[in-house]
Amino acid sequence: SPHTAVLPTTLHLSKLTNSPHLQTVHTAIRMISQWQISLLLATPTLCRSFLLPPFCDGISHKQRHEPLTQWVDSTSGRPSRERGMLFADLSLSEVAARDGDVHYGNVPPEIRLEATVSSGIDPTTELPRVLEIIASVCDEFGTTFTYNNIQANESPSRPESLPGVLGRVLLISIHGVPSDFDVDESVLMSQIKLYSAEHIDSMSYEEGGENTQPILLAFRSNASDDEDAESIIQKEIADYGLRDVIHQSTVEGVDKDSFVPSTHIEIDGAMVQTISSPSATHFDTSSVLVFDNLVSESLRGRLLNVIKGNPEYYSELEDGWDDTELGPNPKRWVRGGLMDVVGDSSAENNYTADGNCWGLTDEAIIDICFNEHSAIAEFESILSQLFSDFIVSRLPEAVLGECVSPLTGNAPTHGDIFDYHIDADPLQVPPSPWADVFGRYPNRSNGKPRFMSCLLYLNDEWNGKEWEAPTKFLDPPTQQTYEVMPAPGRCVLMDQDISHQVVAPSLEAGKRPRYSLVWKLILHPKQLEQNMKDLTGGRSWPDPIVIGSAMLSS
């Protein structure tokens, strides 16, 4: 499968949302993120090397690698740039003096960072290297770092209340700052964390072996040795929205038969690593589930109105636009707007070979993702009922960056050309808060969050025999394919690491678009070591259709 990773843009800067520096460049970052999409990275190792430089203080990425002596304040030995960050963090004043030097109107406390507690990091082999890296980064920033009294716990912290977490945590206490010092708003601490995580991740992949998972670095003001690792992990999850639950309410009229798929496909078989026993492997397949009774006709029509930008219960053309004759309405849709997968501009890896598929405008994406729509809430509640054994969330931005939205709309028309792609793979996520908390692992691993996508066909009518436009699923080892034809209200749930392809409508469809609404979902386990392959919820499902390499399991 063409596993790829996109560069994160604001992942490590999201805690600086209130920073005036970040606010002034937010638009620029969004623009640059479009450029980043064109960079295809095969491994997460490279992602750290090409992260956008922090914009908080205007210093370039190249400058960061020049000798720090050019910024050293001769009176203190502290790099003046980082000292300026600390003054900003503490709201202290700085006064411009002659010769262009910067002098400070107040004297800040000399801060000291201390590693106090670690979990899940080998204390004899890995931990010393990790501490050396952090010490080196702190030295670059003119900050003292000590680790003589660290309490090292070799076992990872995996509380029952947080199933699926990696549990590799390093707590760093910040001494010498005021009691009200806000670590989350500190530019200096954020940059030390970013650069340290960058180098630790690179070290892990360069050295190989079993210790190739990220480490969650937690900075606390005057932290105590007995600070609970569970609270550290929980805070990271909350700060970055890593497990925000989708809408949940009881939907009337959905009976138990609605939760039984009409078609169940298993495809793309392979031997993968067993997370609970790294030296072991097991056979794994990806799933495609087709449901034809999840969505009522009324709900389908309301969801179609949502992606068209009409009021949910509008029954006629609000603006007089006939999309069967004219194609998608350009007020809501834009050519080249479909940018919801990672890849580059080449035909081999990009979603569309010509890059001109109809996608929702930026304003429309914001609308469906963040505004309240009762139809979206109702369908998400149905998904919550379908997957009641799991905690269901949308794909958070802290996995692949803001270029991949958790909800998007598709409107392929005749003449569009598409290529096979995958939506995401938890084994290949780039460096990010998600990776720090949950690690990297094969999708469907026991006790780990499962990445799935939900495709909902929304047209009022669709003549599949004449207009075609199936979604094709590929078994890479054998090149066999399976096609699912669109039908009004049909719902397709699939693992995000499946190679799949949109097929444009036929000539007979004219300019008629094939509308669909897509959710990028994550199914979180509710229990430690939960079986993430079983989605039946105890219901009786039909035997799967086994495609290509998936047959090897027998």
Protein backbone atom coordinates (compact mmCIF):
# COMPACT_ATOMS: atom_id res chain seq x y z
CA SER A 1 0.00 0.00 0.00
CA PRO A 2 1.27 3.52 -0.77
CA HIS A 3 1.79 4.47 2.87
CA THR A 4 2.76 8.10 3.13
CA ALA A 5 2.96 10.79 5.74
CA VAL A 6 2.23 14.49 5.39
CA LEU A 7 4.12 17.18 7.23
CA PRO A 8 2.31 18.53 10.26
CA THR A 9 1.99 22.31 10.22
CA THR A 10 0.62 23.63 13.48
CA LEU A 11 0.56 20.44 15.52
CA HIS A 12 3.22 21.49 18.00
CA LEU A 13 2.10 25.11 17.96
CA SER A 14 -1.53 24.60 18.85
CA LYS A 15 -0.88 25.39 22.52
CA LEU A 16 0.27 28.83 21.40
CA THR A 17 -3.12 29.75 20.01
CA ASN A 18 -3.27 32.88 22.16
CA SER A 19 0.20 34.02 21.17
CA PRO A 20 -0.03 37.28 19.20
CA HIS A 21 2.92 36.11 17.11
CA LEU A 22 1.08 32.98 16.04
CA GLN A 23 -2.15 34.84 15.39
CA THR A 24 -0.40 37.15 12.94
CA VAL A 25 0.94 34.26 10.89
CA HIS A 26 -2.02 31.86 11.14
CA THR A 27 -3.17 32.69 7.62
CA ALA A 28 0.36 32.30 6.31
CA ILE A 29 0.65 28.88 7.94
CA ARG A 30 -2.56 27.73 6.23
CA MET A 31 -1.17 28.89 2.89
CA ILE A 32 2.15 27.17 3.50
CA SER A 33 0.34 23.97 4.47
CA GLN A 34 -0.91 23.74 0.87
CA TRP A 35 2.72 23.77 -0.23
CA GLN A 36 3.55 21.10 2.31
CA ILE A 37 1.01 18.72 0.84
CA SER A 38 3.24 18.47 -2.22
CA LEU A 39 6.04 16.95 -0.16
CA LEU A 40 5.76 13.17 0.02
CA LEU A 41 7.59 11.61 2.93
CA ALA A 42 7.98 7.85 3.03
CA THR A 43 8.96 7.57 6.69
CA PRO A 44 8.22 9.54 9.83
CA THR A 45 11.96 10.03 10.32
CA LEU A 46 12.06 12.63 7.57
CA CYS A 47 9.08 14.52 8.96
CA ARG A 48 11.07 15.79 11.91
CA SER A 49 13.77 17.11 9.56
CA PHE A 50 11.32 19.12 7.48
CA LEU A 51 9.00 20.53 10.12
CA LEU A 52 8.10 24.13 9.49
CA PRO A 53 10.33 26.37 11.60
CA PRO A 54 8.62 28.09 14.52
CA PHE A 55 7.38 31.51 13.47
CA CYS A 56 7.08 32.87 16.99
CA ASP A 57 10.23 34.99 16.90
CA GLY A 58 10.93 35.37 13.22
CA ILE A 59 14.10 33.28 13.15
CA SER A 60 14.53 31.00 10.15
CA HIS A 61 15.06 27.24 10.17
CA LYS A 62 18.49 27.69 8.63
CA GLN A 63 19.54 30.19 11.26
CA ARG A 64 18.74 27.69 14.00
CA HIS A 65 21.66 25.55 12.83
CA GLU A 66 24.20 28.41 12.84
CA PRO A 67 26.48 28.95 15.86
CA LEU A 68 24.43 30.21 18.76
CA THR A 69 27.25 32.55 19.80
CA GLN A 70 25.85 35.24 17.52
CA TRP A 71 22.87 35.52 19.86
CA VAL A 72 24.74 35.24 23.15
CA ASP A 73 24.29 38.15 25.54
CA SER A 74 27.79 38.88 26.77
CA THR A 75 26.63 39.74 30.28
CA SER A 76 24.86 36.48 30.98
CA GLY A 77 25.98 33.84 28.55
CA ARG A 78 22.33 33.22 27.65
CA PRO A 79 21.38 33.30 23.95
CA SER A 80 19.62 36.66 23.68
CA ARG A 81 16.88 35.24 21.48
CA GLU A 82 15.90 32.66 24.06
CA ARG A 83 16.30 35.15 26.87
CA GLY A 84 13.87 37.35 24.98
CA MET A 85 11.42 34.45 24.87
CA LEU A 86 11.69 34.06 28.61
CA PHE A 87 11.09 37.77 29.14
CA ALA A 88 8.00 37.53 26.94
CA ASP A 89 6.81 34.45 28.85
CA LEU A 90 7.17 36.31 32.16
CA SER A 91 5.80 39.62 30.79
CA LEU A 92 9.07 41.40 31.59
CA SER A 93 10.20 44.45 29.65
CA GLU A 94 13.07 44.83 27.22
CA VAL A 95 14.76 48.13 26.33
CA ALA A 96 16.58 48.84 23.07
CA ALA A 97 20.07 50.27 23.64
CA ARG A 98 22.76 51.74 21.38
CA ASP A 99 24.51 49.60 18.78
CA GLY A 100 21.30 47.62 18.24
CA ASP A 101 21.80 45.42 21.32
CA VAL A 102 18.87 44.44 23.48
CA HIS A 103 19.03 45.05 27.21
CA TYR A 104 16.43 44.10 29.74
CA GLY A 105 14.63 46.34 32.18
CA ASN A 106 14.06 43.49 34.64
CA VAL A 107 16.23 40.55 35.63
CA PRO A 108 14.40 37.23 35.20
CA PRO A 109 14.98 34.28 37.50
CA GLU A 110 17.48 31.71 36.32
CA ILE A 111 15.25 28.81 35.40
CA ARG A 112 16.37 25.20 35.65
CA LEU A 113 14.79 22.13 34.08
CA GLU A 114 14.97 18.82 35.90
CA ALA A 115 13.92 15.36 34.74
CA THR A 116 12.01 13.89 37.66
CA VAL A 117 10.05 10.80 36.53
CA SER A 118 10.13 8.50 33.50
CA SER A 119 7.88 5.60 32.48
CA GLY A 120 8.36 2.99 29.78
CA ILE A 121 11.89 4.10 28.86
CA ASP A 122 14.70 1.60 29.36
CA PRO A 123 16.77 3.16 32.18
CA THR A 124 20.03 1.46 31.19
CA THR A 125 20.16 1.91 27.41
CA GLU A 126 17.58 4.37 26.10
CA LEU A 127 17.01 6.83 28.94
CA PRO A 128 20.63 8.11 29.12
CA ARG A 129 20.54 8.93 25.39
CA VAL A 130 17.18 10.68 25.73
CA LEU A 131 18.43 12.78 28.64
CA GLU A 132 21.58 13.71 26.74
CA ILE A 133 19.47 14.93 23.83
CA ILE A 134 17.30 17.11 26.05
CA ALA A 135 20.40 18.47 27.81
CA SER A 136 21.89 19.38 24.44
CA VAL A 137 18.72 21.17 23.34
CA CYS A 138 18.50 23.03 26.65
CA ASP A 139 22.12 24.06 26.25
CA GLU A 140 21.30 25.55 22.85
CA PHE A 141 18.54 27.56 24.51
CA GLY A 142 20.78 28.68 27.35
CA THR A 143 18.84 26.70 29.96
CA THR A 144 20.21 24.37 32.65
CA PHE A 145 18.97 20.78 32.60
CA THR A 146 19.68 18.21 35.33
CA TYR A 147 18.65 14.60 35.78
CA ASN A 148 20.60 13.25 38.73
CA ASN A 149 17.56 12.35 40.84
CA ILE A 150 15.22 10.95 38.21
CA GLN A 151 12.82 8.21 39.26
CA ALA A 152 12.97 5.76 36.35
CA ASN A 153 10.14 3.26 35.89
CA GLU A 154 10.90 0.73 33.18
CA SER A 155 7.24 -0.29 32.80
CA PRO A 156 5.03 1.99 30.68
CA SER A 157 2.15 3.83 32.28
CA ARG A 158 -1.02 2.31 30.84
CA PRO A 159 -3.91 2.94 33.22
CA GLU A 160 -7.17 1.07 32.71
CA SER A 161 -8.94 4.40 32.32
CA LEU A 162 -6.89 5.18 29.20
CA PRO A 163 -6.75 2.01 27.09
CA GLY A 164 -4.64 2.25 23.98
CA VAL A 165 -2.06 4.75 25.19
CA LEU A 166 1.64 4.08 24.64
CA GLY A 167 2.64 5.01 28.19
CA ARG A 168 6.17 6.29 27.49
CA VAL A 169 6.35 9.48 29.53
CA LEU A 170 9.13 11.76 30.76
CA LEU A 171 8.17 14.41 33.32
CA ILE A 172 10.34 17.53 33.40
CA SER A 173 10.00 20.02 36.23
CA ILE A 174 10.63 23.74 35.68
CA HIS A 175 12.29 25.38 38.70
CA GLY A 176 12.82 29.06 39.33
CA VAL A 177 9.65 30.43 37.75
CA PRO A 178 6.75 32.16 39.48
CA SER A 179 3.99 29.98 40.87
CA ASP A 180 1.58 31.31 38.23
CA PHE A 181 3.93 30.55 35.33
CA ASP A 182 1.83 29.14 32.48
CA VAL A 183 3.82 26.35 30.85
CA ASP A 184 1.28 25.87 28.07
CA GLU A 185 1.65 29.50 26.97
CA SER A 186 5.45 29.53 27.19
CA VAL A 187 7.10 29.97 23.80
CA LEU A 188 10.46 28.87 25.21
CA MET A 189 9.14 25.65 26.76
CA SER A 190 7.18 24.82 23.61
CA GLN A 191 10.29 25.15 21.46
CA ILE A 192 12.44 23.09 23.83
CA LYS A 193 9.75 20.40 23.77
CA LEU A 194 9.46 20.51 19.98
CA TYR A 195 13.18 20.27 19.29
CA SER A 196 13.75 17.61 21.94
CA ALA A 197 10.93 15.45 20.58
CA GLU A 198 12.31 15.95 17.08
CA HIS A 199 15.76 14.68 17.99
CA ILE A 200 14.46 11.83 20.16
CA ASP A 201 12.26 10.56 17.34
CA SER A 202 15.14 10.75 14.86
CA MET A 203 17.44 8.93 17.29
CA SER A 204 14.92 6.13 17.71
CA TYR A 205 14.68 5.45 14.00
CA GLU A 206 18.38 5.79 13.38
CA GLU A 207 19.26 3.31 16.13
CA GLY A 208 16.38 0.93 15.33
CA GLY A 209 15.63 -1.96 17.62
CA GLU A 210 12.58 -2.17 19.86
CA ASN A 211 12.84 1.38 21.19
CA THR A 212 11.44 3.10 18.11
CA GLN A 213 8.34 4.58 19.69
CA PRO A 214 7.95 8.28 20.56
CA ILE A 215 8.10 9.66 24.10
CA LEU A 216 5.59 12.07 25.62
CA LEU A 217 7.54 14.96 27.15
CA ALA A 218 5.57 16.73 29.87
CA PHE A 219 6.78 20.06 31.27
CA ARG A 220 5.39 21.16 34.63
CA SER A 221 6.12 24.16 36.81
CA ASN A 222 7.79 22.89 40.02
CA ALA A 223 6.41 19.39 39.47
CA SER A 224 6.49 16.92 42.31
CA ASP A 225 7.96 13.43 42.01
CA ASP A 226 4.62 11.83 42.74
CA GLU A 227 2.74 13.54 39.89
CA ASP A 228 0.46 10.96 38.31
CA ALA A 229 1.42 9.79 34.80
CA GLU A 230 -2.26 9.16 34.11
CA SER A 231 -3.05 12.84 34.61
CA ILE A 232 -0.15 13.81 32.34
CA ILE A 233 -1.45 11.62 29.52
CA GLN A 234 -5.04 12.71 30.10
CA LYS A 235 -4.03 16.36 29.86
CA GLU A 236 -2.29 15.76 26.53
CA ILE A 237 -5.37 13.96 25.21
CA ALA A 238 -7.60 16.82 26.32
CA ASP A 239 -5.28 19.60 25.09
CA TYR A 240 -5.12 18.21 21.56
CA GLY A 241 -8.61 16.69 21.35
CA LEU A 242 -7.21 13.21 20.73
CA ARG A 243 -10.33 11.39 21.94
CA ASP A 244 -13.21 13.85 21.59
CA VAL A 245 -16.39 11.79 21.35
CA ILE A 246 -18.74 12.30 18.40
CA HIS A 247 -22.42 13.04 18.96
CA GLN A 248 -24.28 10.46 21.03
CA SER A 249 -28.05 10.28 21.38
CA THR A 250 -30.73 7.67 20.79
CA VAL A 251 -32.06 7.82 17.23
CA GLU A 252 -35.60 6.59 16.78
CA GLY A 253 -36.51 4.28 13.91
CA VAL A 254 -33.16 2.50 13.72
CA ASP A 255 -33.73 -1.18 14.51
CA LYS A 256 -31.15 -3.86 15.20
CA ASP A 257 -31.32 -5.16 11.60
CA SER A 258 -30.03 -1.77 10.43
CA PHE A 259 -26.72 -2.56 12.13
CA VAL A 260 -26.13 -5.70 10.04
CA PRO A 261 -24.11 -5.04 6.87
CA SER A 262 -25.49 -6.18 3.55
CA THR A 263 -21.91 -6.91 2.43
CA HIS A 264 -18.76 -7.67 4.43
CA ILE A 265 -15.42 -7.77 2.58
CA GLU A 266 -12.01 -8.83 3.89
CA ILE A 267 -9.04 -7.76 1.75
CA ASP A 268 -5.28 -7.06 1.81
CA GLY A 269 -3.93 -9.85 4.02
CA ALA A 270 -0.45 -9.64 5.54
CA MET A 271 1.65 -10.77 8.47
CA VAL A 272 2.02 -7.88 10.91
CA GLN A 273 3.76 -7.31 14.22
CA THR A 274 1.85 -8.25 17.37
CA ILE A 275 2.02 -5.19 19.62
CA SER A 276 1.70 -7.11 22.87
CA SER A 277 4.63 -9.32 21.85
CA PRO A 278 7.01 -7.40 19.53
CA SER A 279 8.90 -10.52 18.51
CA ALA A 280 5.70 -12.21 17.32
CA THR A 281 3.57 -11.68 14.20
CA HIS A 282 0.00 -12.53 13.21
CA PHE A 283 -2.08 -12.58 10.05
CA ASP A 284 -4.22 -9.50 9.50
CA THR A 285 -6.79 -8.35 6.93
CA SER A 286 -8.57 -5.06 6.29
CA SER A 287 -12.36 -4.74 6.28
CA VAL A 288 -14.99 -3.08 4.12
CA LEU A 289 -18.58 -2.98 5.41
CA VAL A 290 -21.60 -1.93 3.34
CA PHE A 291 -24.79 -0.87 5.15
CA ASP A 292 -28.00 -0.16 3.22
CA ASN A 293 -30.41 0.54 6.08
CA LEU A 294 -28.51 2.85 8.42
CA VAL A 295 -29.82 6.07 6.92
CA SER A 296 -33.47 6.96 6.37
CA GLU A 297 -34.55 8.74 3.21
CA SER A 298 -35.26 11.87 5.24
CA LEU A 299 -31.81 11.89 6.86
CA ARG A 300 -30.11 11.28 3.51
CA GLY A 301 -31.89 14.29 2.01
CA ARG A 302 -30.96 16.50 4.95
CA LEU A 303 -27.30 15.49 4.71
CA LEU A 304 -27.34 16.22 0.98
CA ASN A 305 -28.69 19.68 1.73
CA VAL A 306 -25.90 20.21 4.28
CA ILE A 307 -23.09 19.59 1.78
CA LYS A 308 -24.92 21.66 -0.84
CA GLY A 309 -25.20 24.53 1.61
CA ASN A 310 -29.01 24.51 1.73
CA PRO A 311 -31.21 24.48 4.82
CA GLU A 312 -31.58 20.87 6.00
CA TYR A 313 -35.31 20.60 5.32
CA TYR A 314 -35.27 22.47 2.03
CA SER A 315 -37.05 20.37 -0.58
CA GLU A 316 -36.47 22.44 -3.73
CA LEU A 317 -33.60 24.21 -5.40
CA GLU A 318 -32.89 27.17 -3.16
CA ASP A 319 -30.81 29.08 -5.66
CA GLY A 320 -32.14 27.68 -8.92
CA TRP A 321 -28.93 25.72 -9.60
CA ASP A 322 -29.55 22.49 -11.53
CA ASP A 323 -26.50 20.34 -10.81
CA THR A 324 -27.69 17.54 -13.10
CA GLU A 325 -27.20 19.94 -16.02
CA LEU A 326 -24.56 22.31 -14.68
CA GLY A 327 -22.49 20.20 -12.30
CA PRO A 328 -21.66 21.18 -8.69
CA ASN A 329 -22.56 24.71 -7.65
CA PRO A 330 -19.31 26.76 -7.67
CA LYS A 331 -20.58 28.76 -4.69
CA ARG A 332 -20.13 25.63 -2.56
CA TRP A 333 -17.69 23.53 -4.60
CA VAL A 334 -14.35 24.29 -6.19
CA ARG A 335 -12.13 22.50 -8.66
CA GLY A 336 -9.01 21.21 -6.93
CA GLY A 337 -10.68 21.53 -3.55
CA LEU A 338 -10.46 17.84 -2.68
CA MET A 339 -7.35 17.76 -0.46
CA ASP A 340 -8.36 15.28 2.23
CA VAL A 341 -5.61 12.69 1.81
CA VAL A 342 -1.85 12.79 2.15
CA GLY A 343 0.25 12.59 -0.99
CA ASP A 344 2.12 14.58 -3.58
CA SER A 345 1.27 15.98 -6.96
CA SER A 346 2.34 12.90 -8.89
CA ALA A 347 -0.24 10.62 -10.48
CA GLU A 348 1.08 7.68 -8.51
CA ASN A 349 0.34 9.05 -5.08
CA ASN A 350 -2.14 11.87 -5.45
CA TYR A 351 -5.87 11.39 -4.92
CA THR A 352 -6.71 12.81 -8.36
CA ALA A 353 -4.33 12.47 -11.26
CA ASP A 354 -5.22 15.90 -12.59
CA GLY A 355 -5.78 17.52 -9.20
CA ASN A 356 -9.03 19.08 -10.40
CA CYS A 357 -11.75 17.08 -8.71
CA TRP A 358 -14.66 19.01 -7.25
CA GLY A 359 -14.25 19.48 -3.51
CA LEU A 360 -15.91 21.65 -0.92
CA THR A 361 -14.61 25.18 -0.49
CA ASP A 362 -12.67 26.06 2.65
CA GLU A 363 -15.73 27.86 3.99
CA ALA A 364 -17.89 24.79 3.36
CA ILE A 365 -15.38 22.50 5.11
CA ILE A 366 -15.41 24.77 8.15
CA ASP A 367 -19.20 24.78 8.03
CA ILE A 368 -19.67 21.01 8.10
CA CYS A 369 -16.83 20.42 10.58
CA PHE A 370 -17.56 23.10 13.17
CA ASN A 371 -21.11 24.41 12.78
CA GLU A 372 -24.04 22.62 14.33
CA HIS A 373 -26.05 20.52 11.86
CA SER A 374 -28.72 18.27 13.32
CA ALA A 375 -28.38 15.85 10.39
CA ILE A 376 -24.65 15.35 11.04
CA ALA A 377 -25.32 14.95 14.77
CA GLU A 378 -28.03 12.37 14.04
CA PHE A 379 -25.84 10.29 11.76
CA GLU A 380 -22.94 10.41 14.21
CA SER A 381 -25.33 9.19 16.90
CA ILE A 382 -26.20 6.25 14.63
CA LEU A 383 -22.49 5.48 14.26
CA SER A 384 -22.13 5.61 18.06
CA GLN A 385 -24.92 3.04 18.36
CA LEU A 386 -23.38 0.86 15.64
CA PHE A 387 -20.00 0.88 17.40
CA SER A 388 -21.25 0.89 20.98
CA ASP A 389 -18.31 -1.28 22.08
CA PHE A 390 -15.94 1.58 21.27
CA ILE A 391 -15.39 5.28 21.91
CA VAL A 392 -15.88 6.86 18.49
CA SER A 393 -14.14 10.12 17.64
CA ARG A 394 -13.38 12.12 14.54
CA LEU A 395 -9.80 12.10 13.28
CA PRO A 396 -8.15 14.90 15.30
CA GLU A 397 -6.00 17.51 13.61
CA ALA A 398 -3.10 16.35 15.78
CA VAL A 399 -2.69 13.19 13.65
CA LEU A 400 -2.02 14.47 10.11
CA GLY A 401 -2.39 18.23 10.42
CA GLU A 402 -5.11 20.62 9.35
CA CYS A 403 -4.78 19.69 5.65
CA VAL A 404 -6.80 16.52 6.36
CA SER A 405 -10.24 17.44 7.67
CA PRO A 406 -12.30 14.90 9.65
CA LEU A 407 -15.33 15.56 7.43
CA THR A 408 -15.30 16.34 3.73
CA GLY A 409 -17.48 16.08 0.66
CA ASN A 410 -16.80 14.55 -2.74
CA ALA A 411 -18.48 15.41 -6.04
CA PRO A 412 -16.72 13.57 -8.88
CA THR A 413 -18.06 14.20 -12.37
CA HIS A 414 -17.48 12.57 -15.74
CA GLY A 415 -13.91 13.01 -16.95
CA ASP A 416 -12.27 13.16 -13.53
CA ILE A 417 -9.34 10.78 -13.11
CA PHE A 418 -8.47 9.26 -9.76
CA ASP A 419 -5.72 7.01 -8.42
CA TYR A 420 -5.55 4.48 -5.62
CA HIS A 421 -4.73 5.93 -2.24
CA ILE A 422 -5.08 5.24 1.46
CA ASP A 423 -6.64 7.66 3.92
CA ALA A 424 -4.22 7.07 6.81
CA ASP A 425 -2.28 4.38 8.65
CA PRO A 426 -1.52 4.50 12.40
CA LEU A 427 1.75 2.72 11.68
CA GLN A 428 2.91 5.64 9.51
CA VAL A 429 1.68 8.73 11.36
CA PRO A 430 4.19 11.60 11.40
CA PRO A 431 5.67 13.01 14.60
CA SER A 432 2.79 14.59 16.47
CA PRO A 433 0.99 14.74 19.82
CA TRP A 434 -1.03 11.73 18.61
CA ALA A 435 2.11 9.65 18.07
CA ASP A 436 3.52 10.74 21.45
CA VAL A 437 0.40 9.50 23.25
CA PHE A 438 -0.64 6.43 21.26
CA GLY A 439 2.53 5.48 19.38
CA ARG A 440 2.74 3.82 15.98
CA TYR A 441 1.22 0.40 15.40
CA PRO A 442 -0.53 -1.74 12.76
CA ASN A 443 -4.18 -0.81 12.32
CA ARG A 444 -6.62 -3.19 14.08
CA SER A 445 -4.04 -4.10 16.75
CA ASN A 446 -5.65 -5.32 19.97
CA GLY A 447 -6.23 -2.55 22.46
CA LYS A 448 -5.15 0.26 20.08
CA PRO A 449 -7.30 2.89 18.32
CA ARG A 450 -8.57 1.73 14.94
CA PHE A 451 -8.56 4.13 11.98
CA MET A 452 -11.72 3.85 9.84
CA SER A 453 -13.44 5.98 7.19
CA CYS A 454 -17.16 6.27 6.55
CA LEU A 455 -18.41 7.03 3.03
CA LEU A 456 -22.07 7.99 2.64
CA TYR A 457 -23.60 8.25 -0.86
CA LEU A 458 -26.15 11.08 -0.93
CA ASN A 459 -27.65 11.52 -4.41
CA ASP A 460 -31.46 11.53 -4.65
CA GLU A 461 -31.12 8.85 -7.29
CA TRP A 462 -28.28 6.96 -8.90
CA ASN A 463 -28.53 4.62 -11.88
CA GLY A 464 -25.46 2.51 -11.28
CA LYS A 465 -25.77 0.52 -14.50
CA GLU A 466 -25.68 3.65 -16.65
CA TRP A 467 -23.87 6.24 -14.52
CA GLU A 468 -21.41 3.83 -12.86
CA ALA A 469 -18.92 5.63 -10.48
CA PRO A 470 -18.16 2.74 -8.11
CA THR A 471 -15.64 2.89 -5.29
CA LYS A 472 -12.92 0.32 -6.01
CA PHE A 473 -10.92 -1.49 -3.34
CA LEU A 474 -7.53 -2.95 -4.23
CA ASP A 475 -5.70 -5.97 -2.87
CA PRO A 476 -2.09 -4.87 -3.57
CA PRO A 477 -0.40 -8.30 -3.39
CA THR A 478 -2.69 -9.85 -6.03
CA GLN A 479 -4.01 -6.68 -7.77
CA GLN A 480 -7.53 -8.06 -7.41
CA THR A 481 -10.27 -5.47 -6.87
CA TYR A 482 -13.76 -5.27 -5.45
CA GLU A 483 -16.29 -2.60 -6.45
CA VAL A 484 -19.07 -1.05 -4.40
CA MET A 485 -21.68 0.78 -6.48
CA PRO A 486 -23.24 4.03 -5.20
CA ALA A 487 -26.86 3.94 -4.05
CA PRO A 488 -28.89 6.66 -2.27
CA GLY A 489 -28.19 6.43 1.47
CA ARG A 490 -25.68 3.56 1.14
CA CYS A 491 -22.98 3.69 3.80
CA VAL A 492 -19.52 2.17 3.32
CA LEU A 493 -17.22 1.77 6.34
CA MET A 494 -13.62 0.83 5.62
CA ASP A 495 -10.26 0.68 7.30
CA GLN A 496 -8.26 3.76 6.43
CA ASP A 497 -5.21 1.75 5.36
CA ILE A 498 -7.11 0.09 2.49
CA SER A 499 -6.03 1.09 -1.02
CA HIS A 500 -9.15 2.44 -2.71
CA GLN A 501 -10.10 4.53 -5.70
CA VAL A 502 -12.97 6.77 -6.73
CA VAL A 503 -14.24 6.08 -10.25
CA ALA A 504 -15.76 9.05 -12.05
CA PRO A 505 -19.31 8.84 -13.45
CA SER A 506 -19.74 7.66 -17.03
CA LEU A 507 -20.49 9.81 -20.06
CA GLU A 508 -24.16 8.92 -19.68
CA ALA A 509 -24.23 10.74 -16.33
CA GLY A 510 -23.61 14.02 -18.10
CA LYS A 511 -22.46 16.73 -15.68
CA ARG A 512 -24.29 15.07 -12.81
CA PRO A 513 -21.96 14.81 -9.75
CA ARG A 514 -21.86 11.74 -7.53
CA TYR A 515 -22.21 13.30 -4.08
CA SER A 516 -20.81 11.72 -0.93
CA LEU A 517 -19.99 12.79 2.60
CA VAL A 518 -16.90 11.28 4.21
CA TRP A 519 -16.02 10.93 7.90
CA LYS A 520 -12.49 10.11 9.06
CA LEU A 521 -13.06 8.22 12.30
CA ILE A 522 -11.06 6.64 15.10
CA LEU A 523 -12.52 3.79 17.16
CA HIS A 524 -10.94 3.85 20.62
CA PRO A 525 -10.98 0.74 22.82
CA LYS A 526 -12.95 0.79 26.05
CA GLN A 527 -10.82 -1.93 27.63
CA LEU A 528 -7.15 -2.87 27.77
CA GLU A 529 -6.19 -5.37 25.05
CA GLN A 530 -9.70 -5.15 23.55
CA ASN A 531 -10.26 -7.08 20.32
CA MET A 532 -10.34 -4.26 17.76
CA LYS A 533 -11.02 -6.56 14.83
CA ASP A 534 -14.50 -7.53 16.03
CA LEU A 535 -16.99 -4.82 15.03
CA THR A 536 -20.15 -6.95 15.23
CA GLY A 537 -21.18 -5.80 18.70
CA GLY A 538 -22.45 -9.34 19.33
CA ARG A 539 -24.74 -9.24 16.29
CA SER A 540 -24.92 -11.97 13.67
CA TRP A 541 -23.20 -10.73 10.53
CA PRO A 542 -22.95 -12.40 7.11
CA ASP A 543 -19.81 -14.34 6.26
CA PRO A 544 -17.24 -12.09 4.61
CA ILE A 545 -16.34 -12.07 0.94
CA VAL A 546 -12.62 -12.77 1.02
CA ILE A 547 -10.53 -11.06 -1.67
CA GLY A 548 -7.02 -11.89 -2.90
CA SER A 549 -4.32 -12.16 -0.24
CA ALA A 550 -6.92 -12.22 2.54
CA MET A 551 -7.57 -15.83 1.54
CA LEU A 552 -4.15 -16.81 2.88
CA SER A 553 -5.59 -16.89 6.40
CA SER A 554 -7.22 -20.22 5.53
